[in-house]
C-alpha atoms as a PDB file:
ATOM      1  CA  MET A   1     -28.176  65.226  41.001  1.00  0.00           C
ATOM      2  CA  ALA A   2     -31.487  63.948  42.313  1.00  0.00           C
ATOM      3  CA  THR A   3     -34.017  62.874  39.721  1.00  0.00           C
ATOM      4  CA  THR A   4     -37.777  63.299  39.884  1.00  0.00           C
ATOM      5  CA  ILE A   5     -38.045  59.530  40.433  1.00  0.00           C
ATOM      6  CA  ASP A   6     -35.625  59.772  43.364  1.00  0.00           C
ATOM      7  CA  GLN A   7     -37.594  62.628  44.886  1.00  0.00           C
ATOM      8  CA  GLY A   8     -40.834  60.693  44.563  1.00  0.00           C
ATOM      9  CA  SER A   9     -39.322  57.557  46.102  1.00  0.00           C
ATOM     10  CA  PHE A  10     -37.860  59.514  48.984  1.00  0.00           C
ATOM     11  CA  LYS A  11     -41.123  61.312  49.707  1.00  0.00           C
ATOM     12  CA  MET A  12     -42.874  57.933  49.762  1.00  0.00           C
ATOM     13  CA  LEU A  13     -40.304  56.674  52.258  1.00  0.00           C
ATOM     14  CA  LEU A  14     -40.874  59.724  54.460  1.00  0.00           C
ATOM     15  CA  ARG A  15     -44.632  59.133  54.474  1.00  0.00           C
ATOM     16  CA  LYS A  16     -44.361  55.447  55.363  1.00  0.00           C
ATOM     17  CA  HIS A  17     -41.401  55.264  57.736  1.00  0.00           C
ATOM     18  CA  PRO A  18     -41.942  56.094  61.443  1.00  0.00           C
ATOM     19  CA  ARG A  19     -40.035  59.084  62.739  1.00  0.00           C
ATOM     20  CA  GLY A  20     -37.152  58.322  65.070  1.00  0.00           C
ATOM     21  CA  GLU A  21     -36.583  54.870  63.580  1.00  0.00           C
ATOM     22  CA  PRO A  22     -33.406  53.910  61.698  1.00  0.00           C
ATOM     23  CA  VAL A  23     -33.740  52.869  58.072  1.00  0.00           C
ATOM     24  CA  ASP A  24     -31.896  49.643  57.304  1.00  0.00           C
ATOM     25  CA  MET A  25     -31.459  47.939  53.953  1.00  0.00           C
ATOM     26  CA  GLY A  26     -34.238  45.466  54.728  1.00  0.00           C
ATOM     27  CA  VAL A  27     -36.684  48.362  54.954  1.00  0.00           C
ATOM     28  CA  LEU A  28     -35.264  50.039  51.864  1.00  0.00           C
ATOM     29  CA  ARG A  29     -35.339  46.895  49.730  1.00  0.00           C
ATOM     30  CA  ARG A  30     -39.000  46.361  50.566  1.00  0.00           C
ATOM     31  CA  GLU A  31     -39.580  49.819  49.108  1.00  0.00           C
ATOM     32  CA  GLY A  32     -37.609  48.907  45.983  1.00  0.00           C
ATOM     33  CA  ILE A  33     -34.607  51.020  46.950  1.00  0.00           C
ATOM     34  CA  SER A  34     -31.179  49.539  46.211  1.00  0.00           C
ATOM     35  CA  ALA A  35     -28.024  49.927  48.274  1.00  0.00           C
ATOM     36  CA  PHE A  36     -26.591  52.040  45.445  1.00  0.00           C
ATOM     37  CA  ARG A  37     -29.534  54.450  45.543  1.00  0.00           C
ATOM     38  CA  ALA A  38     -29.446  54.653  49.357  1.00  0.00           C
ATOM     39  CA  SER A  39     -25.765  55.531  49.196  1.00  0.00           C
ATOM     40  CA  ALA A  40     -26.527  58.207  46.616  1.00  0.00           C
ATOM     41  CA  TRP A  41     -29.241  59.650  48.858  1.00  0.00           C
ATOM     42  CA  ALA A  42     -26.732  59.810  51.707  1.00  0.00           C
ATOM     43  CA  ARG A  43     -24.256  61.665  49.482  1.00  0.00           C
ATOM     44  CA  SER A  44     -27.055  64.056  48.531  1.00  0.00           C
ATOM     45  CA  GLY A  45     -27.765  64.768  52.201  1.00  0.00           C
ATOM     46  CA  TRP A  46     -31.187  63.110  52.288  1.00  0.00           C
ATOM     47  CA  LEU A  47     -30.030  60.307  54.577  1.00  0.00           C
ATOM     48  CA  ASP A  48     -27.488  60.269  57.394  1.00  0.00           C
ATOM     49  CA  HIS A  49     -25.244  57.217  57.513  1.00  0.00           C
ATOM     50  CA  LEU A  50     -25.395  55.503  60.938  1.00  0.00           C
ATOM     51  CA  GLY A  51     -23.570  52.241  60.263  1.00  0.00           C
ATOM     52  CA  ARG A  52     -23.101  49.624  57.597  1.00  0.00           C
ATOM     53  CA  GLY A  53     -26.359  49.456  55.660  1.00  0.00           C
ATOM     54  CA  VAL A  54     -28.198  51.603  58.221  1.00  0.00           C
ATOM     55  CA  TYR A  55     -29.354  55.185  57.802  1.00  0.00           C
ATOM     56  CA  ALA A  56     -31.506  57.847  59.407  1.00  0.00           C
ATOM     57  CA  VAL A  57     -33.607  60.388  57.583  1.00  0.00           C
ATOM     58  CA  ALA A  58     -31.576  63.602  57.574  1.00  0.00           C
ATOM     59  CA  GLY A  59     -32.538  65.798  60.509  1.00  0.00           C
ATOM     60  CA  ASP A  60     -34.446  63.007  62.260  1.00  0.00           C
ATOM     61  CA  GLU A  61     -33.462  62.226  65.855  1.00  0.00           C
ATOM     62  CA  LEU A  62     -33.126  58.544  66.669  1.00  0.00           C
ATOM     63  CA  SER A  63     -35.554  57.526  69.419  1.00  0.00           C
ATOM     64  CA  ARG A  64     -35.122  54.834  72.047  1.00  0.00           C
ATOM     65  CA  ASP A  65     -38.115  52.894  70.740  1.00  0.00           C
ATOM     66  CA  GLY A  66     -36.865  53.267  67.180  1.00  0.00           C
ATOM     67  CA  ALA A  67     -33.555  51.703  68.189  1.00  0.00           C
ATOM     68  CA  LEU A  68     -35.385  48.851  69.936  1.00  0.00           C
ATOM     69  CA  VAL A  69     -37.514  48.193  66.854  1.00  0.00           C
ATOM     70  CA  PHE A  70     -34.329  47.986  64.788  1.00  0.00           C
ATOM     71  CA  LEU A  71     -32.792  45.473  67.210  1.00  0.00           C
ATOM     72  CA  SER A  72     -35.982  43.417  67.254  1.00  0.00           C
ATOM     73  CA  ARG A  73     -35.594  42.989  63.480  1.00  0.00           C
ATOM     74  CA  GLN A  74     -31.970  41.924  63.873  1.00  0.00           C
ATOM     75  CA  VAL A  75     -32.041  39.587  66.886  1.00  0.00           C
ATOM     76  CA  PRO A  76     -34.223  36.468  67.325  1.00  0.00           C
ATOM     77  CA  GLY A  77     -35.964  36.426  70.698  1.00  0.00           C
ATOM     78  CA  PHE A  78     -35.223  40.096  71.321  1.00  0.00           C
ATOM     79  CA  HIS A  79     -37.087  41.690  74.199  1.00  0.00           C
ATOM     80  CA  VAL A  80     -36.831  44.206  77.015  1.00  0.00           C
ATOM     81  CA  GLY A  81     -36.575  42.392  80.328  1.00  0.00           C
ATOM     82  CA  GLY A  82     -35.318  42.362  83.888  1.00  0.00           C
ATOM     83  CA  LYS A  83     -35.175  45.570  85.872  1.00  0.00           C
ATOM     84  CA  THR A  84     -36.057  47.718  82.853  1.00  0.00           C
ATOM     85  CA  ALA A  85     -39.268  45.764  82.238  1.00  0.00           C
ATOM     86  CA  LEU A  86     -40.218  46.117  85.921  1.00  0.00           C
ATOM     87  CA  ALA A  87     -39.746  49.881  85.612  1.00  0.00           C
ATOM     88  CA  TRP A  88     -41.819  50.022  82.431  1.00  0.00           C
ATOM     89  CA  HIS A  89     -44.628  48.182  84.227  1.00  0.00           C
ATOM     90  CA  GLY A  90     -44.504  50.805  86.987  1.00  0.00           C
ATOM     91  CA  LEU A  91     -42.992  48.453  89.574  1.00  0.00           C
ATOM     92  CA  GLU A  92     -39.597  50.161  89.910  1.00  0.00           C
ATOM     93  CA  HIS A  93     -39.670  53.894  90.553  1.00  0.00           C
ATOM     94  CA  ASP A  94     -36.061  54.553  91.521  1.00  0.00           C
ATOM     95  CA  ILE A  95     -34.315  53.456  88.348  1.00  0.00           C
ATOM     96  CA  ALA A  96     -31.689  56.016  87.393  1.00  0.00           C
ATOM     97  CA  PHE A  97     -32.203  57.936  84.171  1.00  0.00           C
ATOM     98  CA  GLU A  98     -28.786  56.877  82.917  1.00  0.00           C
ATOM     99  CA  GLU A  99     -29.160  53.209  83.925  1.00  0.00           C
ATOM    100  CA  ALA A 100     -28.614  50.762  81.092  1.00  0.00           C
ATOM    101  CA  LEU A 101     -31.618  49.204  79.393  1.00  0.00           C
ATOM    102  CA  SER A 102     -31.822  45.474  80.143  1.00  0.00           C
ATOM    103  CA  LEU A 103     -32.087  43.784  76.747  1.00  0.00           C
ATOM    104  CA  TRP A 104     -32.303  40.065  76.039  1.00  0.00           C
ATOM    105  CA  GLY A 105     -32.047  37.915  72.933  1.00  0.00           C
ATOM    106  CA  ASP A 106     -31.277  34.442  71.641  1.00  0.00           C
ATOM    107  CA  ARG A 107     -27.897  34.981  70.024  1.00  0.00           C
ATOM    108  CA  PRO A 108     -24.769  37.048  70.656  1.00  0.00           C
ATOM    109  CA  LYS A 109     -25.042  40.513  69.158  1.00  0.00           C
ATOM    110  CA  ALA A 110     -22.651  43.426  69.290  1.00  0.00           C
ATOM    111  CA  ILE A 111     -24.814  46.466  69.957  1.00  0.00           C
ATOM    112  CA  PRO A 112     -24.008  49.002  67.217  1.00  0.00           C
ATOM    113  CA  ALA A 113     -21.992  51.982  68.399  1.00  0.00           C
ATOM    114  CA  TRP A 114     -24.588  54.381  67.017  1.00  0.00           C
ATOM    115  CA  ILE A 115     -27.117  52.895  69.477  1.00  0.00           C
ATOM    116  CA  ALA A 116     -24.780  52.485  72.460  1.00  0.00           C
ATOM    117  CA  GLU A 117     -23.546  56.067  72.268  1.00  0.00           C
ATOM    118  CA  ARG A 118     -27.122  57.357  72.467  1.00  0.00           C
ATOM    119  CA  PHE A 119     -28.727  54.870  74.862  1.00  0.00           C
ATOM    120  CA  PRO A 120     -26.859  52.890  77.536  1.00  0.00           C
ATOM    121  CA  VAL A 121     -27.808  49.238  77.090  1.00  0.00           C
ATOM    122  CA  ARG A 122     -26.866  45.882  78.586  1.00  0.00           C
ATOM    123  CA  TYR A 123     -27.535  42.941  76.277  1.00  0.00           C
ATOM    124  CA  GLN A 124     -27.407  39.283  77.239  1.00  0.00           C
ATOM    125  CA  THR A 125     -28.375  35.881  75.867  1.00  0.00           C
ATOM    126  CA  THR A 126     -29.038  34.152  79.208  1.00  0.00           C
ATOM    127  CA  ARG A 127     -31.904  31.667  78.918  1.00  0.00           C
ATOM    128  CA  ILE A 128     -33.881  31.115  82.115  1.00  0.00           C
ATOM    129  CA  LEU A 129     -36.847  29.148  80.712  1.00  0.00           C
ATOM    130  CA  ASP A 130     -36.914  25.815  78.914  1.00  0.00           C
ATOM    131  CA  LYS A 131     -36.730  25.774  75.136  1.00  0.00           C
ATOM    132  CA  GLN A 132     -40.485  25.502  74.541  1.00  0.00           C
ATOM    133  CA  ALA A 133     -41.416  28.372  76.869  1.00  0.00           C
ATOM    134  CA  HIS A 134     -38.462  30.647  76.225  1.00  0.00           C
ATOM    135  CA  ALA A 135     -39.680  32.250  72.990  1.00  0.00           C
ATOM    136  CA  SER A 136     -43.119  33.418  74.086  1.00  0.00           C
ATOM    137  CA  LEU A 137     -44.153  32.756  77.695  1.00  0.00           C
ATOM    138  CA  GLY A 138     -44.500  36.040  79.544  1.00  0.00           C
ATOM    139  CA  LEU A 139     -43.628  38.212  76.544  1.00  0.00           C
ATOM    140  CA  LYS A 140     -45.847  40.775  74.837  1.00  0.00           C
ATOM    141  CA  PRO A 141     -45.796  44.455  73.850  1.00  0.00           C
ATOM    142  CA  LEU A 142     -46.827  47.056  76.387  1.00  0.00           C
ATOM    143  CA  PRO A 143     -50.395  48.335  75.825  1.00  0.00           C
ATOM    144  CA  ALA A 144     -49.126  51.849  75.147  1.00  0.00           C
ATOM    145  CA  GLY A 145     -45.833  50.757  73.603  1.00  0.00           C
ATOM    146  CA  ASP A 146     -44.677  49.880  70.111  1.00  0.00           C
ATOM    147  CA  PRO A 147     -46.341  46.591  69.119  1.00  0.00           C
ATOM    148  CA  ARG A 148     -43.088  45.440  67.498  1.00  0.00           C
ATOM    149  CA  VAL A 149     -41.137  45.512  70.778  1.00  0.00           C
ATOM    150  CA  LEU A 150     -41.736  42.639  73.203  1.00  0.00           C
ATOM    151  CA  VAL A 151     -41.462  43.305  76.934  1.00  0.00           C
ATOM    152  CA  SER A 152     -41.299  40.758  79.741  1.00  0.00           C
ATOM    153  CA  SER A 153     -44.316  40.518  82.024  1.00  0.00           C
ATOM    154  CA  PRO A 154     -43.644  41.573  85.635  1.00  0.00           C
ATOM    155  CA  GLU A 155     -43.380  37.908  86.615  1.00  0.00           C
ATOM    156  CA  ARG A 156     -40.840  37.014  83.933  1.00  0.00           C
ATOM    157  CA  ALA A 157     -38.968  40.280  84.512  1.00  0.00           C
ATOM    158  CA  MET A 158     -38.546  39.388  88.185  1.00  0.00           C
ATOM    159  CA  LEU A 159     -37.052  36.000  87.294  1.00  0.00           C
ATOM    160  CA  GLU A 160     -34.717  37.675  84.797  1.00  0.00           C
ATOM    161  CA  MET A 161     -33.652  40.145  87.476  1.00  0.00           C
ATOM    162  CA  LEU A 162     -32.910  37.235  89.821  1.00  0.00           C
ATOM    163  CA  SER A 163     -30.716  35.652  87.150  1.00  0.00           C
ATOM    164  CA  ASP A 164     -28.649  38.867  87.222  1.00  0.00           C
ATOM    165  CA  LEU A 165     -28.196  38.575  90.981  1.00  0.00           C
ATOM    166  CA  GLY A 166     -24.495  38.488  91.776  1.00  0.00           C
ATOM    167  CA  LYS A 167     -23.569  39.753  88.314  1.00  0.00           C
ATOM    168  CA  THR A 168     -25.038  43.188  87.654  1.00  0.00           C
ATOM    169  CA  GLN A 169     -27.648  43.078  90.404  1.00  0.00           C
ATOM    170  CA  SER A 170     -26.763  43.422  94.100  1.00  0.00           C
ATOM    171  CA  LEU A 171     -28.571  41.496  96.824  1.00  0.00           C
ATOM    172  CA  ALA A 172     -29.596  44.699  98.610  1.00  0.00           C
ATOM    173  CA  ASP A 173     -31.121  46.234  95.483  1.00  0.00           C
ATOM    174  CA  THR A 174     -32.834  42.954  94.627  1.00  0.00           C
ATOM    175  CA  ARG A 175     -34.427  42.775  98.089  1.00  0.00           C
ATOM    176  CA  ARG A 176     -35.620  46.366  97.744  1.00  0.00           C
ATOM    177  CA  LEU A 177     -37.244  45.604  94.404  1.00  0.00           C
ATOM    178  CA  MET A 178     -38.759  42.332  95.602  1.00  0.00           C
ATOM    179  CA  GLU A 179     -40.531  44.125  98.458  1.00  0.00           C
ATOM    180  CA  GLY A 180     -42.816  45.749  95.897  1.00  0.00           C
ATOM    181  CA  LEU A 181     -43.649  42.543  94.013  1.00  0.00           C
ATOM    182  CA  GLY A 182     -46.216  41.034  96.350  1.00  0.00           C
ATOM    183  CA  GLY A 183     -48.945  41.610  93.768  1.00  0.00           C
ATOM    184  CA  LEU A 184     -47.496  39.364  91.066  1.00  0.00           C
ATOM    185  CA  ARG A 185     -50.094  37.119  89.420  1.00  0.00           C
ATOM    186  CA  THR A 186     -49.854  33.702  91.028  1.00  0.00           C
ATOM    187  CA  LYS A 187     -51.104  31.784  87.998  1.00  0.00           C
ATOM    188  CA  VAL A 188     -48.604  33.442  85.652  1.00  0.00           C
ATOM    189  CA  LEU A 189     -45.763  33.025  88.131  1.00  0.00           C
ATOM    190  CA  ASP A 190     -46.638  29.353  88.583  1.00  0.00           C
ATOM    191  CA  GLN A 191     -46.457  28.792  84.815  1.00  0.00           C
ATOM    192  CA  LEU A 192     -43.079  30.512  84.600  1.00  0.00           C
ATOM    193  CA  LEU A 193     -41.519  28.806  87.613  1.00  0.00           C
ATOM    194  CA  ALA A 194     -42.623  25.434  86.240  1.00  0.00           C
ATOM    195  CA  ARG A 195     -40.582  26.154  83.091  1.00  0.00           C
ATOM    196  CA  THR A 196     -37.575  27.806  84.746  1.00  0.00           C
ATOM    197  CA  ASP A 197     -34.337  25.947  84.047  1.00  0.00           C
ATOM    198  CA  ARG A 198     -31.994  27.807  86.369  1.00  0.00           C
ATOM    199  CA  ILE A 199     -31.833  26.484  89.921  1.00  0.00           C
ATOM    200  CA  LYS A 200     -30.319  29.761  91.132  1.00  0.00           C
ATOM    201  CA  VAL A 201     -33.377  31.710  89.960  1.00  0.00           C
ATOM    202  CA  VAL A 202     -35.936  29.415  91.604  1.00  0.00           C
ATOM    203  CA  ARG A 203     -33.938  29.154  94.840  1.00  0.00           C
ATOM    204  CA  ALA A 204     -33.534  32.941  95.006  1.00  0.00           C
ATOM    205  CA  ALA A 205     -37.246  33.509  94.362  1.00  0.00           C
ATOM    206  CA  ALA A 206     -38.230  31.094  97.143  1.00  0.00           C
ATOM    207  CA  HIS A 207     -35.659  32.404  99.620  1.00  0.00           C
ATOM    208  CA  LEU A 208     -36.354  36.114  99.146  1.00  0.00           C
ATOM    209  CA  ALA A 209     -40.141  35.718  98.940  1.00  0.00           C
ATOM    210  CA  ALA A 210     -40.153  33.831 102.258  1.00  0.00           C
ATOM    211  CA  ASP A 211     -37.753  36.310 103.837  1.00  0.00           C
ATOM    212  CA  LEU A 212     -39.955  39.239 102.786  1.00  0.00           C
ATOM    213  CA  GLY A 213     -43.262  37.520 103.553  1.00  0.00           C
ATOM    214  CA  LEU A 214     -44.604  37.846 100.004  1.00  0.00           C
ATOM    215  CA  PRO A 215     -48.017  36.258  99.278  1.00  0.00           C
ATOM    216  CA  TRP A 216     -46.606  33.862  96.683  1.00  0.00           C
ATOM    217  CA  ALA A 217     -43.752  32.580  98.866  1.00  0.00           C
ATOM    218  CA  SER A 218     -45.295  29.123  99.320  1.00  0.00           C
ATOM    219  CA  LEU A 219     -45.692  28.745  95.555  1.00  0.00           C
ATOM    220  CA  ALA A 220     -42.029  29.572  94.991  1.00  0.00           C
ATOM    221  CA  ARG A 221     -41.030  27.143  97.750  1.00  0.00           C
ATOM    222  CA  THR A 222     -43.042  24.364  96.079  1.00  0.00           C
ATOM    223  CA  HIS A 223     -41.093  24.833  92.858  1.00  0.00           C
ATOM    224  CA  SER A 224     -37.785  25.061  94.701  1.00  0.00           C
ATOM    225  CA  ASP A 225     -38.530  21.778  96.501  1.00  0.00           C
ATOM    226  CA  ARG A 226     -39.535  20.198  93.192  1.00  0.00           C
ATOM    227  CA  LEU A 227     -36.026  20.775  91.860  1.00  0.00           C
ATOM    228  CA  GLY A 228     -34.535  18.896  94.796  1.00  0.00           C
ATOM    229  CA  GLY A 229     -30.870  19.067  95.673  1.00  0.00           C
ATOM    230  CA  SER A 230     -29.127  21.169  98.271  1.00  0.00           C
ATOM    231  CA  ARG A 231     -28.742  24.894  98.753  1.00  0.00           C
ATOM    232  CA  TRP A 232     -27.332  27.184  96.055  1.00  0.00           C
ATOM    233  CA  ILE A 233     -24.210  29.069  97.161  1.00  0.00           C
ATOM    234  CA  ALA A 234     -22.067  31.573  95.290  1.00  0.00           C
ATOM    235  CA  VAL A 235     -20.060  34.751  95.772  1.00  0.00           C
ATOM    236  CA  SER A 236     -21.064  37.782  93.717  1.00  0.00           C
ATOM    237  CA  LYS A 237     -18.673  39.932  91.720  1.00  0.00           C
ATOM    238  CA  ALA A 238     -18.943  42.483  94.535  1.00  0.00           C
ATOM    239  CA  GLY A 239     -17.942  39.867  97.111  1.00  0.00           C
ATOM    240  CA  GLU A 240     -21.437  39.241  98.523  1.00  0.00           C
ATOM    241  CA  ARG A 241     -22.154  35.702  99.680  1.00  0.00           C
ATOM    242  CA  LEU A 242     -25.349  34.350  98.115  1.00  0.00           C
ATOM    243  CA  ASP A 243     -26.775  31.382 100.007  1.00  0.00           C
ATOM    244  CA  PHE A 244     -30.235  30.179  98.950  1.00  0.00           C
ATOM    245  CA  ARG A 245     -31.800  26.997 100.298  1.00  0.00           C
END
């Protein structure tokens, strides 16, 4: 049976915790709520159990941003990137409603079933920038988004998309997206290309930008030449030949 103290603690939690956001034990402990009490609240119907040590306020519907905030607390370097970030910046208008969110982080993480069954996601730990730049360059919250969720800038998102080329990203779709990226900020792109570790990404940026006549093609070519070496050749999972000089 709920006590007056329990009721007061729960009401305080309701006032402070954002709607649509899961409640994990880290949040509860900061409010002085033990795992035992949280379990009792779940048995009383005040909380819904989502997964081990994770709850939702009963009757609350988990939101996409709430799930992303939860993951940002769990995963170092977590951010929204690639094609999803381009769409969120208004640079990709044809992304399908059911298309998986492109999520990135620094360490392997099994996406909890209670997130995956609500929101299709694709998570990866690919690092495209050098160690010093990786954690912060080209990452910040969207102006109208949750300040706790980092999103790649259009320039970084493009490079992340290019790293997916041949894996989850087809050459035809990549070309279509690149056609709309002529307005990328040259200074920001220069900073990112200078810190990009992956030859494939730089070669692809230079090749496609030149092929499409994008304003920053010469910049990308400069960085591709800086890396030296010969062309980059591979065959995608779909059987496409990728050949970037």
